């Protein structure tokens, strides 16, 4: 889950299932894919989004939004 997005520095703070936080280092070629947009950038991410990250050489290459924060909040699973 996305905790914070620093678009200027190209960093995304994420939390895993064990509640451990990791900072992802992104670059200008990192793409964000969602239902709304293909090939977007970090502007497309929101804190609370559920994501999957594909990395290479220690940097995020592709971030796939699996579920938006507003979908997560509206989920009957809560």
PDB file of N, CA and C in Angstrom:
ATOM      1  N   UNK A   1       0.843  -1.169   0.000  1.00  0.00           N
ATOM      2  CA  UNK A   1       0.000   0.000   0.000  1.00  0.00           C
ATOM      3  C   UNK A   1       0.895   1.242   0.000  1.00  0.00           C
ATOM      4  N   UNK A   2       0.509   2.242  -0.776  1.00  0.00           N
ATOM      5  CA  UNK A   2       1.243   3.501  -0.831  1.00  0.00           C
ATOM      6  C   UNK A   2       0.982   4.281   0.452  1.00  0.00           C
ATOM      7  N   UNK A   3       2.055   4.710   1.104  1.00  0.00           N
ATOM      8  CA  UNK A   3       1.945   5.530   2.312  1.00  0.00           C
ATOM      9  C   UNK A   3       2.135   7.004   1.954  1.00  0.00           C
ATOM     10  N   UNK A   4       3.130   7.289   1.118  1.00  0.00           N
ATOM     11  CA  UNK A   4       3.414   8.669   0.718  1.00  0.00           C
ATOM     12  C   UNK A   4       4.103   8.675  -0.640  1.00  0.00           C
ATOM     13  N   UNK A   5       3.921   9.775  -1.364  1.00  0.00           N
ATOM     14  CA  UNK A   5       4.546   9.945  -2.671  1.00  0.00           C
ATOM     15  C   UNK A   5       5.290  11.276  -2.674  1.00  0.00           C
ATOM     16  N   UNK A   6       6.589  11.228  -2.968  1.00  0.00           N
ATOM     17  CA  UNK A   6       7.392  12.442  -3.117  1.00  0.00           C
ATOM     18  C   UNK A   6       7.731  12.554  -4.599  1.00  0.00           C
ATOM     19  N   UNK A   7       6.879  13.258  -5.330  1.00  0.00           N
ATOM     20  CA  UNK A   7       7.030  13.356  -6.781  1.00  0.00           C
ATOM     21  C   UNK A   7       8.315  14.087  -7.169  1.00  0.00           C
ATOM     22  N   UNK A   8       8.677  15.115  -6.399  1.00  0.00           N
ATOM     23  CA  UNK A   8       9.874  15.900  -6.718  1.00  0.00           C
ATOM     24  C   UNK A   8      11.155  15.081  -6.586  1.00  0.00           C
ATOM     25  N   UNK A   9      11.225  14.228  -5.573  1.00  0.00           N
ATOM     26  CA  UNK A   9      12.417  13.405  -5.337  1.00  0.00           C
ATOM     27  C   UNK A   9      12.343  12.044  -6.023  1.00  0.00           C
ATOM     28  N   UNK A  10      11.164  11.687  -6.581  1.00  0.00           N
ATOM     29  CA  UNK A  10      11.013  10.402  -7.252  1.00  0.00           C
ATOM     30  C   UNK A  10      11.016   9.228  -6.295  1.00  0.00           C
ATOM     31  N   UNK A  11      10.354   9.402  -5.155  1.00  0.00           N
ATOM     32  CA  UNK A  11      10.322   8.343  -4.140  1.00  0.00           C
ATOM     33  C   UNK A  11       8.884   8.035  -3.732  1.00  0.00           C
ATOM     34  N   UNK A  12       8.650   6.747  -3.469  1.00  0.00           N
ATOM     35  CA  UNK A  12       7.346   6.284  -3.004  1.00  0.00           C
ATOM     36  C   UNK A  12       7.577   5.444  -1.757  1.00  0.00           C
ATOM     37  N   UNK A  13       6.898   5.786  -0.682  1.00  0.00           N
ATOM     38  CA  UNK A  13       6.970   5.018   0.560  1.00  0.00           C
ATOM     39  C   UNK A  13       5.802   4.047   0.560  1.00  0.00           C
ATOM     40  N   UNK A  14       6.112   2.742   0.705  1.00  0.00           N
ATOM     41  CA  UNK A  14       5.076   1.711   0.682  1.00  0.00           C
ATOM     42  C   UNK A  14       5.133   0.877   1.954  1.00  0.00           C
ATOM     43  N   UNK A  15       3.983   0.301   2.308  1.00  0.00           N
ATOM     44  CA  UNK A  15       3.879  -0.570   3.480  1.00  0.00           C
ATOM     45  C   UNK A  15       3.433  -1.939   2.993  1.00  0.00           C
ATOM     46  N   UNK A  16       4.098  -2.999   3.496  1.00  0.00           N
ATOM     47  CA  UNK A  16       3.734  -4.352   3.076  1.00  0.00           C
ATOM     48  C   UNK A  16       2.761  -4.987   4.065  1.00  0.00           C
ATOM     49  N   UNK A  17       2.440  -6.266   3.835  1.00  0.00           N
ATOM     50  CA  UNK A  17       1.475  -6.982   4.680  1.00  0.00           C
ATOM     51  C   UNK A  17       1.925  -7.091   6.131  1.00  0.00           C
ATOM     52  N   UNK A  18       3.222  -7.057   6.368  1.00  0.00           N
ATOM     53  CA  UNK A  18       3.759  -7.152   7.728  1.00  0.00           C
ATOM     54  C   UNK A  18       3.902  -5.769   8.372  1.00  0.00           C
ATOM     55  N   UNK A  19       3.341  -4.740   7.729  1.00  0.00           N
ATOM     56  CA  UNK A  19       3.397  -3.353   8.199  1.00  0.00           C
ATOM     57  C   UNK A  19       4.806  -2.770   8.201  1.00  0.00           C
ATOM     58  N   UNK A  20       5.716  -3.363   7.437  1.00  0.00           N
ATOM     59  CA  UNK A  20       7.064  -2.811   7.289  1.00  0.00           C
ATOM     60  C   UNK A  20       7.057  -1.818   6.128  1.00  0.00           C
ATOM     61  N   UNK A  21       7.693  -0.673   6.316  1.00  0.00           N
ATOM     62  CA  UNK A  21       7.741   0.356   5.278  1.00  0.00           C
ATOM     63  C   UNK A  21       9.043   0.269   4.488  1.00  0.00           C
ATOM     64  N   UNK A  22       8.934   0.528   3.193  1.00  0.00           N
ATOM     65  CA  UNK A  22      10.071   0.539   2.287  1.00  0.00           C
ATOM     66  C   UNK A  22       9.955   1.763   1.397  1.00  0.00           C
ATOM     67  N   UNK A  23      11.084   2.406   1.143  1.00  0.00           N
ATOM     68  CA  UNK A  23      11.087   3.546   0.233  1.00  0.00           C
ATOM     69  C   UNK A  23      11.558   3.081  -1.134  1.00  0.00           C
ATOM     70  N   UNK A  24      10.732   3.292  -2.153  1.00  0.00           N
ATOM     71  CA  UNK A  24      11.081   2.921  -3.518  1.00  0.00           C
ATOM     72  C   UNK A  24      11.719   4.107  -4.217  1.00  0.00           C
ATOM     73  N   UNK A  25      12.787   3.848  -4.924  1.00  0.00           N
ATOM     74  CA  UNK A  25      13.447   4.876  -5.714  1.00  0.00           C
ATOM     75  C   UNK A  25      12.966   4.739  -7.155  1.00  0.00           C
ATOM     76  N   UNK A  26      12.421   5.809  -7.691  1.00  0.00           N
ATOM     77  CA  UNK A  26      11.891   5.801  -9.052  1.00  0.00           C
ATOM     78  C   UNK A  26      12.739   6.730  -9.919  1.00  0.00           C
ATOM     79  N   UNK A  27      12.515   6.699 -11.211  1.00  0.00           N
ATOM     80  CA  UNK A  27      13.210   7.596 -12.128  1.00  0.00           C
ATOM     81  C   UNK A  27      12.218   8.098 -13.159  1.00  0.00           C
ATOM     82  N   UNK A  28      12.673   8.939 -14.060  1.00  0.00           N
ATOM     83  CA  UNK A  28      11.756   9.562 -15.026  1.00  0.00           C
ATOM     84  C   UNK A  28      11.105   8.550 -15.961  1.00  0.00           C
ATOM     85  N   UNK A  29      11.685   7.363 -16.094  1.00  0.00           N
ATOM     86  CA  UNK A  29      11.106   6.333 -16.960  1.00  0.00           C
ATOM     87  C   UNK A  29      10.188   5.374 -16.214  1.00  0.00           C
ATOM     88  N   UNK A  30      10.045   5.541 -14.897  1.00  0.00           N
ATOM     89  CA  UNK A  30       9.117   4.702 -14.142  1.00  0.00           C
ATOM     90  C   UNK A  30       7.706   4.995 -14.632  1.00  0.00           C
ATOM     91  N   UNK A  31       6.969   3.940 -14.988  1.00  0.00           N
ATOM     92  CA  UNK A  31       5.600   4.150 -15.450  1.00  0.00           C
ATOM     93  C   UNK A  31       4.619   3.619 -14.411  1.00  0.00           C
ATOM     94  N   UNK A  32       3.475   4.267 -14.359  1.00  0.00           N
ATOM     95  CA  UNK A  32       2.391   3.868 -13.470  1.00  0.00           C
ATOM     96  C   UNK A  32       1.217   3.467 -14.347  1.00  0.00           C
ATOM     97  N   UNK A  33       0.712   2.256 -14.114  1.00  0.00           N
ATOM     98  CA  UNK A  33      -0.397   1.724 -14.896  1.00  0.00           C
ATOM     99  C   UNK A  33      -1.599   1.552 -13.975  1.00  0.00           C
ATOM    100  N   UNK A  34      -2.745   2.064 -14.428  1.00  0.00           N
ATOM    101  CA  UNK A  34      -3.988   1.902 -13.674  1.00  0.00           C
ATOM    102  C   UNK A  34      -5.125   1.706 -14.660  1.00  0.00           C
ATOM    103  N   UNK A  35      -6.332   1.482 -14.145  1.00  0.00           N
ATOM    104  CA  UNK A  35      -7.497   1.355 -15.021  1.00  0.00           C
ATOM    105  C   UNK A  35      -7.749   2.645 -15.796  1.00  0.00           C
ATOM    106  N   UNK A  36      -7.404   3.780 -15.175  1.00  0.00           N
ATOM    107  CA  UNK A  36      -7.671   5.069 -15.792  1.00  0.00           C
ATOM    108  C   UNK A  36      -6.599   5.498 -16.787  1.00  0.00           C
ATOM    109  N   UNK A  37      -5.375   4.993 -16.610  1.00  0.00           N
ATOM    110  CA  UNK A  37      -4.252   5.540 -17.372  1.00  0.00           C
ATOM    111  C   UNK A  37      -3.169   4.489 -17.599  1.00  0.00           C
ATOM    112  N   UNK A  38      -2.635   4.479 -18.805  1.00  0.00           N
ATOM    113  CA  UNK A  38      -1.494   3.631 -19.127  1.00  0.00           C
ATOM    114  C   UNK A  38      -0.279   4.535 -19.323  1.00  0.00           C
ATOM    115  N   UNK A  39       0.817   4.203 -18.699  1.00  0.00           N
ATOM    116  CA  UNK A  39       2.039   4.962 -18.904  1.00  0.00           C
ATOM    117  C   UNK A  39       2.100   6.284 -18.176  1.00  0.00           C
ATOM    118  N   UNK A  40       1.364   6.399 -17.075  1.00  0.00           N
ATOM    119  CA  UNK A  40       1.419   7.625 -16.286  1.00  0.00           C
ATOM    120  C   UNK A  40       2.687   7.683 -15.450  1.00  0.00           C
ATOM    121  N   UNK A  41       2.803   8.740 -14.650  1.00  0.00           N
ATOM    122  CA  UNK A  41       3.964   8.883 -13.777  1.00  0.00           C
ATOM    123  C   UNK A  41       3.501   8.898 -12.322  1.00  0.00           C
ATOM    124  N   UNK A  42       4.358   9.324 -11.418  1.00  0.00           N
ATOM    125  CA  UNK A  42       4.028   9.295  -9.991  1.00  0.00           C
ATOM    126  C   UNK A  42       2.834  10.172  -9.635  1.00  0.00           C
ATOM    127  N   UNK A  43       2.482  11.114 -10.500  1.00  0.00           N
ATOM    128  CA  UNK A  43       1.295  11.953 -10.277  1.00  0.00           C
ATOM    129  C   UNK A  43       0.034  11.093 -10.177  1.00  0.00           C
ATOM    130  N   UNK A  44       0.064   9.892 -10.760  1.00  0.00           N
ATOM    131  CA  UNK A  44      -1.111   9.024 -10.777  1.00  0.00           C
ATOM    132  C   UNK A  44      -1.300   8.248  -9.477  1.00  0.00           C
ATOM    133  N   UNK A  45      -0.334   8.316  -8.552  1.00  0.00           N
ATOM    134  CA  UNK A  45      -0.425   7.565  -7.297  1.00  0.00           C
ATOM    135  C   UNK A  45      -1.012   8.408  -6.174  1.00  0.00           C
ATOM    136  N   UNK A  46      -1.745   7.726  -5.282  1.00  0.00           N
ATOM    137  CA  UNK A  46      -2.328   8.367  -4.107  1.00  0.00           C
ATOM    138  C   UNK A  46      -1.995   7.544  -2.872  1.00  0.00           C
ATOM    139  N   UNK A  47      -1.756   8.203  -1.733  1.00  0.00           N
ATOM    140  CA  UNK A  47      -1.603   7.443  -0.486  1.00  0.00           C
ATOM    141  C   UNK A  47      -2.841   6.574  -0.258  1.00  0.00           C
ATOM    142  N   UNK A  48      -2.616   5.305   0.065  1.00  0.00           N
ATOM    143  CA  UNK A  48      -3.702   4.360   0.279  1.00  0.00           C
ATOM    144  C   UNK A  48      -3.939   3.426  -0.892  1.00  0.00           C
ATOM    145  N   UNK A  49      -3.392   3.755  -2.074  1.00  0.00           N
ATOM    146  CA  UNK A  49      -3.531   2.871  -3.231  1.00  0.00           C
ATOM    147  C   UNK A  49      -2.808   1.553  -2.961  1.00  0.00           C
ATOM    148  N   UNK A  50      -3.400   0.456  -3.415  1.00  0.00           N
ATOM    149  CA  UNK A  50      -2.774  -0.862  -3.349  1.00  0.00           C
ATOM    150  C   UNK A  50      -2.056  -1.065  -4.682  1.00  0.00           C
ATOM    151  N   UNK A  51      -0.749  -1.372  -4.619  1.00  0.00           N
ATOM    152  CA  UNK A  51       0.054  -1.449  -5.841  1.00  0.00           C
ATOM    153  C   UNK A  51       0.869  -2.734  -5.910  1.00  0.00           C
ATOM    154  N   UNK A  52       1.354  -3.010  -7.115  1.00  0.00           N
ATOM    155  CA  UNK A  52       2.342  -4.064  -7.360  1.00  0.00           C
ATOM    156  C   UNK A  52       3.504  -3.382  -8.066  1.00  0.00           C
ATOM    157  N   UNK A  53       4.723  -3.693  -7.648  1.00  0.00           N
ATOM    158  CA  UNK A  53       5.906  -3.023  -8.194  1.00  0.00           C
ATOM    159  C   UNK A  53       6.772  -4.022  -8.946  1.00  0.00           C
ATOM    160  N   UNK A  54       7.187  -3.636 -10.140  1.00  0.00           N
ATOM    161  CA  UNK A  54       8.160  -4.403 -10.913  1.00  0.00           C
ATOM    162  C   UNK A  54       9.450  -3.596 -10.913  1.00  0.00           C
ATOM    163  N   UNK A  55      10.521  -4.187 -10.357  1.00  0.00           N
ATOM    164  CA  UNK A  55      11.793  -3.472 -10.203  1.00  0.00           C
ATOM    165  C   UNK A  55      12.896  -4.110 -11.031  1.00  0.00           C
ATOM    166  N   UNK A  56      13.890  -3.293 -11.341  1.00  0.00           N
ATOM    167  CA  UNK A  56      15.108  -3.757 -12.001  1.00  0.00           C
ATOM    168  C   UNK A  56      16.256  -2.901 -11.488  1.00  0.00           C
ATOM    169  N   UNK A  57      17.353  -3.534 -11.141  1.00  0.00           N
ATOM    170  CA  UNK A  57      18.548  -2.833 -10.652  1.00  0.00           C
ATOM    171  C   UNK A  57      18.234  -1.921  -9.468  1.00  0.00           C
ATOM    172  N   UNK A  58      17.325  -2.363  -8.604  1.00  0.00           N
ATOM    173  CA  UNK A  58      17.015  -1.611  -7.396  1.00  0.00           C
ATOM    174  C   UNK A  58      16.115  -0.406  -7.582  1.00  0.00           C
ATOM    175  N   UNK A  59      15.568  -0.223  -8.761  1.00  0.00           N
ATOM    176  CA  UNK A  59      14.685   0.911  -9.032  1.00  0.00           C
ATOM    177  C   UNK A  59      13.357   0.410  -9.569  1.00  0.00           C
ATOM    178  N   UNK A  60      12.292   1.117  -9.208  1.00  0.00           N
ATOM    179  CA  UNK A  60      10.959   0.759  -9.699  1.00  0.00           C
ATOM    180  C   UNK A  60      10.870   1.094 -11.187  1.00  0.00           C
ATOM    181  N   UNK A  61      10.568   0.095 -11.999  1.00  0.00           N
ATOM    182  CA  UNK A  61      10.404   0.289 -13.443  1.00  0.00           C
ATOM    183  C   UNK A  61       8.939   0.500 -13.797  1.00  0.00           C
ATOM    184  N   UNK A  62       8.071  -0.287 -13.143  1.00  0.00           N
ATOM    185  CA  UNK A  62       6.641  -0.245 -13.447  1.00  0.00           C
ATOM    186  C   UNK A  62       5.871  -0.421 -12.148  1.00  0.00           C
ATOM    187  N   UNK A  63       4.895   0.451 -11.925  1.00  0.00           N
ATOM    188  CA  UNK A  63       4.026   0.365 -10.757  1.00  0.00           C
ATOM    189  C   UNK A  63       2.610   0.169 -11.271  1.00  0.00           C
ATOM    190  N   UNK A  64       1.982  -0.928 -10.858  1.00  0.00           N
ATOM    191  CA  UNK A  64       0.624  -1.240 -11.288  1.00  0.00           C
ATOM    192  C   UNK A  64      -0.319  -0.990 -10.119  1.00  0.00           C
ATOM    193  N   UNK A  65      -1.318  -0.136 -10.332  1.00  0.00           N
ATOM    194  CA  UNK A  65      -2.318   0.140  -9.301  1.00  0.00           C
ATOM    195  C   UNK A  65      -3.351  -0.980  -9.360  1.00  0.00           C
ATOM    196  N   UNK A  66      -3.406  -1.780  -8.294  1.00  0.00           N
ATOM    197  CA  UNK A  66      -4.354  -2.886  -8.228  1.00  0.00           C
ATOM    198  C   UNK A  66      -5.715  -2.429  -7.718  1.00  0.00           C
ATOM    199  N   UNK A  67      -5.692  -1.506  -6.759  1.00  0.00           N
ATOM    200  CA  UNK A  67      -6.939  -0.989  -6.194  1.00  0.00           C
ATOM    201  C   UNK A  67      -6.690   0.421  -5.685  1.00  0.00           C
ATOM    202  N   UNK A  68      -7.564   1.333  -6.047  1.00  0.00           N
ATOM    203  CA  UNK A  68      -7.463   2.723  -5.606  1.00  0.00           C
ATOM    204  C   UNK A  68      -7.911   2.859  -4.160  1.00  0.00           C
ATOM    205  N   UNK A  69      -7.402   3.881  -3.483  1.00  0.00           N
ATOM    206  CA  UNK A  69      -7.735   4.123  -2.081  1.00  0.00           C
ATOM    207  C   UNK A  69      -9.241   4.266  -1.905  1.00  0.00           C
ATOM    208  N   UNK A  70      -9.923   4.952  -2.821  1.00  0.00           N
ATOM    209  CA  UNK A  70     -11.365   5.140  -2.670  1.00  0.00           C
ATOM    210  C   UNK A  70     -12.117   3.829  -2.866  1.00  0.00           C
ATOM    211  N   UNK A  71     -11.582   2.895  -3.640  1.00  0.00           N
ATOM    212  CA  UNK A  71     -12.187   1.570  -3.772  1.00  0.00           C
ATOM    213  C   UNK A  71     -11.955   0.757  -2.504  1.00  0.00           C
ATOM    214  N   UNK A  72     -10.765   0.919  -1.921  1.00  0.00           N
ATOM    215  CA  UNK A  72     -10.420   0.208  -0.686  1.00  0.00           C
ATOM    216  C   UNK A  72     -11.339   0.648   0.454  1.00  0.00           C
ATOM    217  N   UNK A  73     -11.589   1.955   0.557  1.00  0.00           N
ATOM    218  CA  UNK A  73     -12.444   2.477   1.628  1.00  0.00           C
ATOM    219  C   UNK A  73     -13.894   2.047   1.459  1.00  0.00           C
ATOM    220  N   UNK A  74     -14.336   1.846   0.214  1.00  0.00           N
ATOM    221  CA  UNK A  74     -15.713   1.451  -0.050  1.00  0.00           C
ATOM    222  C   UNK A  74     -15.908  -0.065  -0.031  1.00  0.00           C
ATOM    223  N   UNK A  75     -14.834  -0.815   0.159  1.00  0.00           N
ATOM    224  CA  UNK A  75     -14.887  -2.272   0.111  1.00  0.00           C
ATOM    225  C   UNK A  75     -15.669  -2.848   1.288  1.00  0.00           C
ATOM    226  N   UNK A  76     -16.511  -3.848   1.035  1.00  0.00           N
ATOM    227  CA  UNK A  76     -17.233  -4.501   2.137  1.00  0.00           C
ATOM    228  C   UNK A  76     -16.318  -5.340   3.026  1.00  0.00           C
ATOM    229  N   UNK A  77     -15.053  -5.516   2.611  1.00  0.00           N
ATOM    230  CA  UNK A  77     -14.104  -6.297   3.402  1.00  0.00           C
ATOM    231  C   UNK A  77     -13.678  -5.574   4.664  1.00  0.00           C
ATOM    232  N   UNK A  78     -13.900  -4.263   4.741  1.00  0.00           N
ATOM    233  CA  UNK A  78     -13.477  -3.488   5.913  1.00  0.00           C
ATOM    234  C   UNK A  78     -14.403  -3.699   7.073  1.00  0.00           C
TER     235      UNK A  78
END
